[in-house]
Amino acid sequence: MFLTAVAGARRAGAAGWCFHTDAGFDLVAAGFFDQLDEVELDVIDELAAAAAAP
């Protein structure tokens, strides 16, 4: 779903796209990337390609 959303934003000419999840984050306890689950980390790895796709 994340990759579909970022690709759609790119095709629509959006100036940006916000990565958001249902999870909450306590950035005092740990860094943002430390709190992502496996699926979210996989998406992060693939976002650049999805955003650059025509």
C-alpha atoms as a PDB file:
ATOM      1  CA  MET A   1       0.000   0.000   0.000  1.00  0.00           C
ATOM      2  CA  PHE A   2       2.791   2.449   0.844  1.00  0.00           C
ATOM      3  CA  LEU A   3       4.526   1.963  -2.486  1.00  0.00           C
ATOM      4  CA  THR A   4       1.255   2.321  -4.398  1.00  0.00           C
ATOM      5  CA  ALA A   5       0.566   5.578  -2.561  1.00  0.00           C
ATOM      6  CA  VAL A   6       3.991   7.100  -3.234  1.00  0.00           C
ATOM      7  CA  ALA A   7       3.883   6.045  -6.901  1.00  0.00           C
ATOM      8  CA  GLY A   8       0.415   7.564  -7.262  1.00  0.00           C
ATOM      9  CA  ALA A   9       1.563  10.794  -5.646  1.00  0.00           C
ATOM     10  CA  ARG A  10       4.492  10.934  -8.071  1.00  0.00           C
ATOM     11  CA  ARG A  11       2.281  10.326 -11.111  1.00  0.00           C
ATOM     12  CA  ALA A  12      -0.146  13.006  -9.909  1.00  0.00           C
ATOM     13  CA  GLY A  13       2.662  15.557  -9.642  1.00  0.00           C
ATOM     14  CA  ALA A  14       2.507  15.862  -5.848  1.00  0.00           C
ATOM     15  CA  ALA A  15       5.142  18.053  -4.237  1.00  0.00           C
ATOM     16  CA  GLY A  16       5.576  15.536  -1.447  1.00  0.00           C
ATOM     17  CA  TRP A  17       4.298  12.449   0.265  1.00  0.00           C
ATOM     18  CA  CYS A  18       4.034  11.668   3.965  1.00  0.00           C
ATOM     19  CA  PHE A  19       5.049   8.245   5.261  1.00  0.00           C
ATOM     20  CA  HIS A  20       2.675   7.428   8.073  1.00  0.00           C
ATOM     21  CA  THR A  21       1.612   4.258   9.824  1.00  0.00           C
ATOM     22  CA  ASP A  22      -0.965   3.219  12.397  1.00  0.00           C
ATOM     23  CA  ALA A  23       1.834   2.963  14.941  1.00  0.00           C
ATOM     24  CA  GLY A  24       2.795   5.670  17.382  1.00  0.00           C
ATOM     25  CA  PHE A  25       6.399   6.548  18.022  1.00  0.00           C
ATOM     26  CA  ASP A  26       8.185   7.629  21.191  1.00  0.00           C
ATOM     27  CA  LEU A  27      11.221   9.404  19.803  1.00  0.00           C
ATOM     28  CA  VAL A  28      12.591   9.937  23.301  1.00  0.00           C
ATOM     29  CA  ALA A  29      12.851   6.171  23.854  1.00  0.00           C
ATOM     30  CA  ALA A  30      14.455   5.314  20.497  1.00  0.00           C
ATOM     31  CA  GLY A  31      15.050   6.681  17.029  1.00  0.00           C
ATOM     32  CA  PHE A  32      12.373   6.584  14.339  1.00  0.00           C
ATOM     33  CA  PHE A  33      13.957   3.813  12.265  1.00  0.00           C
ATOM     34  CA  ASP A  34      14.592   1.707  15.370  1.00  0.00           C
ATOM     35  CA  GLN A  35      10.840   1.588  15.989  1.00  0.00           C
ATOM     36  CA  LEU A  36       9.717   0.501  12.518  1.00  0.00           C
ATOM     37  CA  ASP A  37       8.572  -3.062  11.978  1.00  0.00           C
ATOM     38  CA  GLU A  38       9.919  -5.379   9.272  1.00  0.00           C
ATOM     39  CA  VAL A  39       7.288  -4.402   6.689  1.00  0.00           C
ATOM     40  CA  GLU A  40       7.857  -0.676   7.258  1.00  0.00           C
ATOM     41  CA  LEU A  41      11.637  -1.120   6.932  1.00  0.00           C
ATOM     42  CA  ASP A  42      11.156  -3.015   3.660  1.00  0.00           C
ATOM     43  CA  VAL A  43       9.042  -0.139   2.365  1.00  0.00           C
ATOM     44  CA  ILE A  44      11.699   2.403   3.321  1.00  0.00           C
ATOM     45  CA  ASP A  45      14.222   0.373   1.301  1.00  0.00           C
ATOM     46  CA  GLU A  46      11.953   0.521  -1.770  1.00  0.00           C
ATOM     47  CA  LEU A  47      10.627   4.086  -1.521  1.00  0.00           C
ATOM     48  CA  ALA A  48      13.288   5.788  -3.629  1.00  0.00           C
ATOM     49  CA  ALA A  49      12.613   3.521  -6.606  1.00  0.00           C
ATOM     50  CA  ALA A  50       8.842   3.920  -6.250  1.00  0.00           C
ATOM     51  CA  ALA A  51       9.107   7.701  -6.024  1.00  0.00           C
ATOM     52  CA  ALA A  52      11.369   7.910  -9.069  1.00  0.00           C
ATOM     53  CA  ALA A  53       9.272   5.634 -11.273  1.00  0.00           C
ATOM     54  CA  PRO A  54       7.467   7.360 -14.153  1.00  0.00           C
END
